[in-house]
Amino acid sequence: MCRKRKTVMFKGVPYRLTLKGRIYAGWLIFVDWFKRLRPVVRYYQGKYPTNSTCFNCGLPWEAVRESERDCGIHFIDIDEDHGFFPCCEYCWQRMDDLKKIDAIVALFEELESCGGSPYTKEEMLDALARDLQEKQA
């Protein structure tokens, strides 16, 4: 039997629905919220100690990609072939613009402390500005 799936938006975040739509969407919202509780985040950081993390919630990238339920990683393009990802999509949708700038600056500083960033801070902030303009358009 083939299940029909439909994607709906809730607070700017896409969720897939099955025939049991409301129950499934409610469960996904709960799972996204639950995964970002501090004790759960610490568990995932212990499970994936070598992964870098979302700058907002601290969830390791492998835990973000671990299931299809999660919204994924918010990728910002610098050019056609290069870009960066400061936060998971769940956090990115819930952050205001100032927090997004802070996340970009924190990512730049972390890259600089690890041996140098492949991009300048201005390039990263320009890419953020383009990303925000595309969202508003």
N, C-alpha and C. Protein backbone atom coordinates (compact mmCIF):
# COMPACT_ATOMS: atom_id res chain seq x y z
N MET A 1 0.83 -1.17 0.00
CA MET A 1 0.00 0.00 0.00
C MET A 1 0.88 1.25 0.00
N CYS A 2 0.60 2.15 -0.87
CA CYS A 2 1.40 3.36 -1.01
C CYS A 2 0.83 4.46 -0.11
N ARG A 3 1.69 5.05 0.70
CA ARG A 3 1.26 6.15 1.56
C ARG A 3 1.46 7.47 0.83
N LYS A 4 0.46 8.29 0.85
CA LYS A 4 0.60 9.61 0.27
C LYS A 4 1.22 10.53 1.31
N ARG A 5 2.16 11.33 0.88
CA ARG A 5 2.79 12.29 1.78
C ARG A 5 2.60 13.68 1.22
N LYS A 6 2.32 14.59 2.10
CA LYS A 6 2.12 15.97 1.74
C LYS A 6 3.02 16.82 2.64
N THR A 7 3.60 17.86 2.10
CA THR A 7 4.45 18.73 2.89
C THR A 7 3.65 19.97 3.27
N VAL A 8 3.69 20.30 4.56
CA VAL A 8 3.03 21.51 5.04
C VAL A 8 4.08 22.37 5.73
N MET A 9 3.79 23.65 5.84
CA MET A 9 4.69 24.58 6.52
C MET A 9 4.10 24.90 7.89
N PHE A 10 4.93 24.83 8.93
CA PHE A 10 4.52 25.22 10.27
C PHE A 10 5.60 26.15 10.82
N LYS A 11 5.24 27.40 11.07
CA LYS A 11 6.20 28.42 11.54
C LYS A 11 7.43 28.49 10.63
N GLY A 12 7.20 28.39 9.32
CA GLY A 12 8.28 28.52 8.37
C GLY A 12 9.12 27.28 8.15
N VAL A 13 8.74 26.15 8.81
CA VAL A 13 9.53 24.92 8.70
C VAL A 13 8.68 23.87 7.98
N PRO A 14 9.23 23.21 6.94
CA PRO A 14 8.47 22.20 6.22
C PRO A 14 8.37 20.89 7.01
N TYR A 15 7.19 20.30 7.02
CA TYR A 15 6.96 19.00 7.65
C TYR A 15 6.20 18.13 6.66
N ARG A 16 6.59 16.85 6.60
CA ARG A 16 5.87 15.92 5.74
C ARG A 16 4.73 15.28 6.51
N LEU A 17 3.59 15.17 5.86
CA LEU A 17 2.42 14.58 6.48
C LEU A 17 2.08 13.26 5.82
N THR A 18 1.58 12.32 6.60
CA THR A 18 1.02 11.10 6.05
C THR A 18 -0.50 11.24 6.08
N LEU A 19 -1.21 10.14 5.88
CA LEU A 19 -2.66 10.20 5.94
C LEU A 19 -3.14 10.58 7.34
N LYS A 20 -2.33 10.32 8.35
CA LYS A 20 -2.68 10.70 9.71
C LYS A 20 -2.15 12.10 10.01
N GLY A 21 -2.21 12.97 9.06
CA GLY A 21 -1.61 14.29 9.05
C GLY A 21 -1.39 14.99 10.36
N ARG A 22 -2.43 15.32 11.08
CA ARG A 22 -2.28 16.14 12.27
C ARG A 22 -1.45 15.46 13.34
N ILE A 23 -1.69 14.19 13.56
CA ILE A 23 -0.94 13.46 14.59
C ILE A 23 0.54 13.42 14.21
N TYR A 24 0.83 13.12 12.96
CA TYR A 24 2.20 13.02 12.49
C TYR A 24 2.91 14.37 12.58
N ALA A 25 2.23 15.46 12.16
CA ALA A 25 2.84 16.79 12.22
C ALA A 25 3.10 17.19 13.67
N GLY A 26 2.16 16.90 14.56
CA GLY A 26 2.36 17.20 15.97
C GLY A 26 3.54 16.43 16.54
N TRP A 27 3.67 15.17 16.14
CA TRP A 27 4.79 14.35 16.61
C TRP A 27 6.12 14.91 16.12
N LEU A 28 6.17 15.34 14.86
CA LEU A 28 7.41 15.90 14.31
C LEU A 28 7.81 17.17 15.04
N ILE A 29 6.85 18.01 15.33
CA ILE A 29 7.14 19.25 16.05
C ILE A 29 7.70 18.92 17.43
N PHE A 30 7.12 17.91 18.09
CA PHE A 30 7.62 17.49 19.40
C PHE A 30 9.03 16.93 19.29
N VAL A 31 9.29 16.09 18.29
CA VAL A 31 10.62 15.48 18.12
C VAL A 31 11.67 16.56 17.86
N ASP A 32 11.37 17.53 17.00
CA ASP A 32 12.31 18.62 16.73
C ASP A 32 12.62 19.39 18.00
N TRP A 33 11.60 19.68 18.79
CA TRP A 33 11.80 20.41 20.04
C TRP A 33 12.59 19.56 21.04
N PHE A 34 12.22 18.28 21.16
CA PHE A 34 12.84 17.39 22.14
C PHE A 34 14.33 17.20 21.86
N LYS A 35 14.70 17.06 20.59
CA LYS A 35 16.10 16.84 20.22
C LYS A 35 17.00 17.99 20.65
N ARG A 36 16.43 19.16 20.87
CA ARG A 36 17.23 20.32 21.21
C ARG A 36 17.24 20.66 22.69
N LEU A 37 16.68 19.80 23.53
CA LEU A 37 16.79 19.97 24.98
C LEU A 37 18.24 19.72 25.38
N ARG A 38 18.74 20.46 26.35
CA ARG A 38 20.16 20.37 26.74
C ARG A 38 20.63 18.95 27.04
N PRO A 39 19.91 18.14 27.85
CA PRO A 39 20.41 16.78 28.10
C PRO A 39 20.47 15.92 26.84
N VAL A 40 19.53 16.11 25.94
CA VAL A 40 19.51 15.34 24.70
C VAL A 40 20.66 15.80 23.79
N VAL A 41 20.89 17.12 23.73
CA VAL A 41 22.01 17.65 22.94
C VAL A 41 23.33 17.11 23.48
N ARG A 42 23.48 17.07 24.81
CA ARG A 42 24.72 16.53 25.39
C ARG A 42 24.90 15.05 25.04
N TYR A 43 23.80 14.29 25.02
CA TYR A 43 23.86 12.88 24.61
C TYR A 43 24.39 12.78 23.18
N TYR A 44 23.81 13.57 22.27
CA TYR A 44 24.24 13.52 20.87
C TYR A 44 25.68 13.99 20.71
N GLN A 45 26.11 15.00 21.50
CA GLN A 45 27.50 15.44 21.43
C GLN A 45 28.44 14.34 21.89
N GLY A 46 28.01 13.52 22.86
CA GLY A 46 28.82 12.37 23.28
C GLY A 46 28.82 11.27 22.23
N LYS A 47 27.69 11.11 21.54
CA LYS A 47 27.58 10.08 20.51
C LYS A 47 28.41 10.44 19.28
N TYR A 48 28.48 11.73 18.95
CA TYR A 48 29.24 12.21 17.79
C TYR A 48 30.27 13.25 18.25
N PRO A 49 31.32 12.83 18.96
CA PRO A 49 32.24 13.80 19.56
C PRO A 49 33.10 14.56 18.54
N THR A 50 33.27 14.03 17.35
CA THR A 50 34.14 14.70 16.37
C THR A 50 33.37 15.64 15.44
N ASN A 51 32.05 15.66 15.54
CA ASN A 51 31.24 16.53 14.68
C ASN A 51 31.23 17.96 15.19
N SER A 52 31.21 18.91 14.27
CA SER A 52 30.94 20.28 14.68
C SER A 52 29.42 20.39 14.90
N THR A 53 28.99 21.51 15.44
CA THR A 53 27.60 21.61 15.88
C THR A 53 26.93 22.86 15.34
N CYS A 54 25.63 22.88 15.46
CA CYS A 54 24.82 24.06 15.18
C CYS A 54 25.22 25.14 16.19
N PHE A 55 25.40 26.37 15.72
CA PHE A 55 25.83 27.44 16.62
C PHE A 55 24.72 27.90 17.55
N ASN A 56 23.49 27.52 17.30
CA ASN A 56 22.40 27.95 18.16
C ASN A 56 22.05 26.89 19.21
N CYS A 57 21.73 25.67 18.77
CA CYS A 57 21.27 24.64 19.71
C CYS A 57 22.39 23.70 20.16
N GLY A 58 23.49 23.63 19.41
CA GLY A 58 24.60 22.76 19.78
C GLY A 58 24.46 21.33 19.32
N LEU A 59 23.44 21.02 18.54
CA LEU A 59 23.23 19.66 18.04
C LEU A 59 24.28 19.34 16.97
N PRO A 60 24.97 18.19 17.09
CA PRO A 60 25.97 17.82 16.06
C PRO A 60 25.31 17.61 14.70
N TRP A 61 26.06 17.90 13.64
CA TRP A 61 25.48 17.80 12.29
C TRP A 61 25.02 16.38 11.98
N GLU A 62 25.72 15.38 12.47
CA GLU A 62 25.31 14.00 12.20
C GLU A 62 23.95 13.71 12.83
N ALA A 63 23.67 14.29 13.99
CA ALA A 63 22.36 14.11 14.63
C ALA A 63 21.28 14.86 13.87
N VAL A 64 21.65 15.98 13.26
CA VAL A 64 20.67 16.73 12.46
C VAL A 64 20.30 15.92 11.23
N ARG A 65 21.31 15.28 10.59
CA ARG A 65 21.06 14.50 9.37
C ARG A 65 20.55 13.09 9.65
N GLU A 66 20.54 12.69 10.91
CA GLU A 66 20.28 11.31 11.28
C GLU A 66 18.91 10.80 10.84
N SER A 67 17.92 11.65 10.81
CA SER A 67 16.58 11.18 10.47
C SER A 67 15.95 12.11 9.44
N GLU A 68 15.00 11.58 8.71
CA GLU A 68 14.31 12.39 7.72
C GLU A 68 13.33 13.35 8.38
N ARG A 69 13.06 13.14 9.67
CA ARG A 69 12.13 14.02 10.36
C ARG A 69 12.69 15.42 10.53
N ASP A 70 13.99 15.50 10.75
CA ASP A 70 14.58 16.80 11.03
C ASP A 70 14.62 17.65 9.77
N CYS A 71 14.70 18.92 9.94
CA CYS A 71 14.60 19.87 8.82
C CYS A 71 15.86 19.98 8.00
N GLY A 72 16.98 19.55 8.54
CA GLY A 72 18.23 19.60 7.80
C GLY A 72 19.10 20.78 8.17
N ILE A 73 20.07 21.05 7.33
CA ILE A 73 21.07 22.08 7.57
C ILE A 73 20.76 23.27 6.68
N HIS A 74 20.88 24.48 7.22
CA HIS A 74 20.68 25.68 6.41
C HIS A 74 22.01 26.04 5.75
N PHE A 75 22.08 25.88 4.45
CA PHE A 75 23.30 26.12 3.69
C PHE A 75 23.21 27.48 3.02
N ILE A 76 24.25 28.30 3.18
CA ILE A 76 24.30 29.63 2.57
C ILE A 76 25.37 29.62 1.49
N ASP A 77 24.99 29.96 0.27
CA ASP A 77 25.92 29.97 -0.86
C ASP A 77 26.75 31.24 -0.88
N ILE A 78 28.07 31.07 -1.02
CA ILE A 78 28.95 32.23 -1.27
C ILE A 78 29.04 32.46 -2.77
N ASP A 79 29.21 31.37 -3.52
CA ASP A 79 29.13 31.41 -4.97
C ASP A 79 28.50 30.10 -5.42
N GLU A 80 28.59 29.81 -6.69
CA GLU A 80 27.92 28.61 -7.21
C GLU A 80 28.46 27.32 -6.63
N ASP A 81 29.73 27.29 -6.27
CA ASP A 81 30.35 26.05 -5.82
C ASP A 81 30.69 26.01 -4.34
N HIS A 82 30.61 27.13 -3.64
CA HIS A 82 31.06 27.18 -2.26
C HIS A 82 30.01 27.82 -1.36
N GLY A 83 30.08 27.45 -0.08
CA GLY A 83 29.18 28.03 0.89
C GLY A 83 29.51 27.53 2.29
N PHE A 84 28.61 27.79 3.22
CA PHE A 84 28.83 27.39 4.60
C PHE A 84 27.48 27.17 5.28
N PHE A 85 27.48 26.53 6.44
CA PHE A 85 26.25 26.29 7.17
C PHE A 85 26.47 26.54 8.66
N PRO A 86 25.93 27.66 9.18
CA PRO A 86 26.13 27.99 10.58
C PRO A 86 25.14 27.32 11.52
N CYS A 87 23.93 27.04 11.05
CA CYS A 87 22.87 26.53 11.93
C CYS A 87 22.03 25.48 11.22
N CYS A 88 21.34 24.69 12.03
CA CYS A 88 20.37 23.76 11.44
C CYS A 88 19.14 24.57 11.00
N GLU A 89 18.39 24.02 10.09
CA GLU A 89 17.23 24.73 9.54
C GLU A 89 16.20 25.04 10.62
N TYR A 90 16.05 24.12 11.58
CA TYR A 90 15.11 24.32 12.69
C TYR A 90 15.44 25.62 13.44
N CYS A 91 16.69 25.80 13.80
CA CYS A 91 17.10 27.00 14.53
C CYS A 91 17.07 28.23 13.63
N TRP A 92 17.51 28.07 12.37
CA TRP A 92 17.59 29.19 11.45
C TRP A 92 16.22 29.84 11.26
N GLN A 93 15.17 29.02 11.15
CA GLN A 93 13.82 29.55 10.96
C GLN A 93 13.32 30.32 12.17
N ARG A 94 13.87 30.03 13.34
CA ARG A 94 13.40 30.64 14.58
C ARG A 94 14.28 31.79 15.07
N MET A 95 15.35 32.08 14.38
CA MET A 95 16.29 33.14 14.79
C MET A 95 15.93 34.46 14.11
N ASP A 96 16.14 35.56 14.85
CA ASP A 96 16.00 36.86 14.20
C ASP A 96 17.31 37.19 13.47
N ASP A 97 17.31 38.29 12.72
CA ASP A 97 18.46 38.62 11.88
C ASP A 97 19.73 38.88 12.68
N LEU A 98 19.61 39.48 13.86
CA LEU A 98 20.80 39.76 14.67
C LEU A 98 21.45 38.47 15.16
N LYS A 99 20.64 37.49 15.53
CA LYS A 99 21.20 36.20 15.96
C LYS A 99 21.86 35.49 14.79
N LYS A 100 21.31 35.67 13.60
CA LYS A 100 21.92 35.07 12.41
C LYS A 100 23.29 35.68 12.15
N ILE A 101 23.39 36.99 12.30
CA ILE A 101 24.69 37.66 12.13
C ILE A 101 25.67 37.15 13.18
N ASP A 102 25.20 37.01 14.43
CA ASP A 102 26.07 36.50 15.50
C ASP A 102 26.55 35.08 15.18
N ALA A 103 25.67 34.25 14.61
CA ALA A 103 26.07 32.89 14.25
C ALA A 103 27.13 32.89 13.16
N ILE A 104 26.99 33.78 12.18
CA ILE A 104 27.98 33.88 11.10
C ILE A 104 29.33 34.34 11.66
N VAL A 105 29.30 35.34 12.53
CA VAL A 105 30.54 35.85 13.12
C VAL A 105 31.20 34.76 13.98
N ALA A 106 30.38 34.02 14.75
CA ALA A 106 30.93 32.94 15.58
C ALA A 106 31.55 31.84 14.71
N LEU A 107 30.90 31.51 13.59
CA LEU A 107 31.45 30.52 12.67
C LEU A 107 32.78 31.02 12.10
N PHE A 108 32.84 32.29 11.70
CA PHE A 108 34.08 32.85 11.15
C PHE A 108 35.20 32.78 12.19
N GLU A 109 34.90 33.16 13.43
CA GLU A 109 35.92 33.15 14.48
C GLU A 109 36.40 31.73 14.78
N GLU A 110 35.48 30.76 14.73
CA GLU A 110 35.89 29.37 14.94
C GLU A 110 36.79 28.88 13.81
N LEU A 111 36.44 29.23 12.58
CA LEU A 111 37.28 28.85 11.45
C LEU A 111 38.65 29.50 11.54
N GLU A 112 38.71 30.75 11.96
CA GLU A 112 40.00 31.45 12.11
C GLU A 112 40.84 30.79 13.20
N SER A 113 40.22 30.35 14.28
CA SER A 113 40.98 29.73 15.37
C SER A 113 41.49 28.34 15.00
N CYS A 114 40.87 27.73 13.99
CA CYS A 114 41.27 26.38 13.57
C CYS A 114 42.24 26.40 12.39
N GLY A 115 42.79 27.54 12.09
CA GLY A 115 43.78 27.56 11.01
C GLY A 115 43.44 28.48 9.87
N GLY A 116 42.38 29.23 9.98
CA GLY A 116 42.07 30.19 8.94
C GLY A 116 40.80 29.85 8.19
N SER A 117 40.04 30.86 7.91
CA SER A 117 38.80 30.71 7.17
C SER A 117 39.08 30.83 5.68
N PRO A 118 38.42 30.02 4.86
CA PRO A 118 38.61 30.17 3.41
C PRO A 118 37.93 31.42 2.87
N TYR A 119 37.08 32.06 3.70
CA TYR A 119 36.35 33.25 3.29
C TYR A 119 36.67 34.39 4.25
N THR A 120 36.49 35.61 3.79
CA THR A 120 36.61 36.75 4.69
C THR A 120 35.28 36.94 5.40
N LYS A 121 35.32 37.67 6.49
CA LYS A 121 34.09 37.94 7.24
C LYS A 121 33.10 38.70 6.36
N GLU A 122 33.60 39.62 5.54
CA GLU A 122 32.72 40.40 4.67
C GLU A 122 32.03 39.51 3.64
N GLU A 123 32.76 38.54 3.08
CA GLU A 123 32.14 37.61 2.12
C GLU A 123 31.02 36.82 2.78
N MET A 124 31.25 36.38 4.01
CA MET A 124 30.23 35.60 4.71
C MET A 124 29.01 36.45 5.04
N LEU A 125 29.23 37.70 5.46
CA LEU A 125 28.10 38.58 5.77
C LEU A 125 27.36 39.01 4.51
N ASP A 126 28.07 39.19 3.40
CA ASP A 126 27.40 39.49 2.13
C ASP A 126 26.54 38.31 1.68
N ALA A 127 27.05 37.10 1.86
CA ALA A 127 26.26 35.91 1.51
C ALA A 127 25.02 35.82 2.39
N LEU A 128 25.14 36.17 3.66
CA LEU A 128 23.97 36.19 4.55
C LEU A 128 22.96 37.22 4.06
N ALA A 129 23.43 38.40 3.68
CA ALA A 129 22.52 39.44 3.19
C ALA A 129 21.78 38.96 1.94
N ARG A 130 22.48 38.30 1.02
CA ARG A 130 21.83 37.75 -0.18
C ARG A 130 20.79 36.70 0.21
N ASP A 131 21.14 35.85 1.17
CA ASP A 131 20.22 34.79 1.61
C ASP A 131 18.96 35.40 2.22
N LEU A 132 19.11 36.43 3.01
CA LEU A 132 17.95 37.08 3.62
C LEU A 132 17.10 37.80 2.58
N GLN A 133 17.73 38.41 1.58
CA GLN A 133 16.99 39.06 0.51
C GLN A 133 16.19 38.05 -0.32
N GLU A 134 16.78 36.89 -0.57
CA GLU A 134 16.08 35.84 -1.32
C GLU A 134 14.87 35.34 -0.54
N LYS A 135 14.99 35.24 0.78
CA LYS A 135 13.86 34.80 1.60
C LYS A 135 12.72 35.79 1.55
N GLN A 136 13.05 37.10 1.57
CA GLN A 136 12.01 38.12 1.58
C GLN A 136 11.36 38.30 0.21
N ALA A 137 12.07 37.95 -0.83
CA ALA A 137 11.53 38.12 -2.20
C ALA A 137 10.55 37.02 -2.56
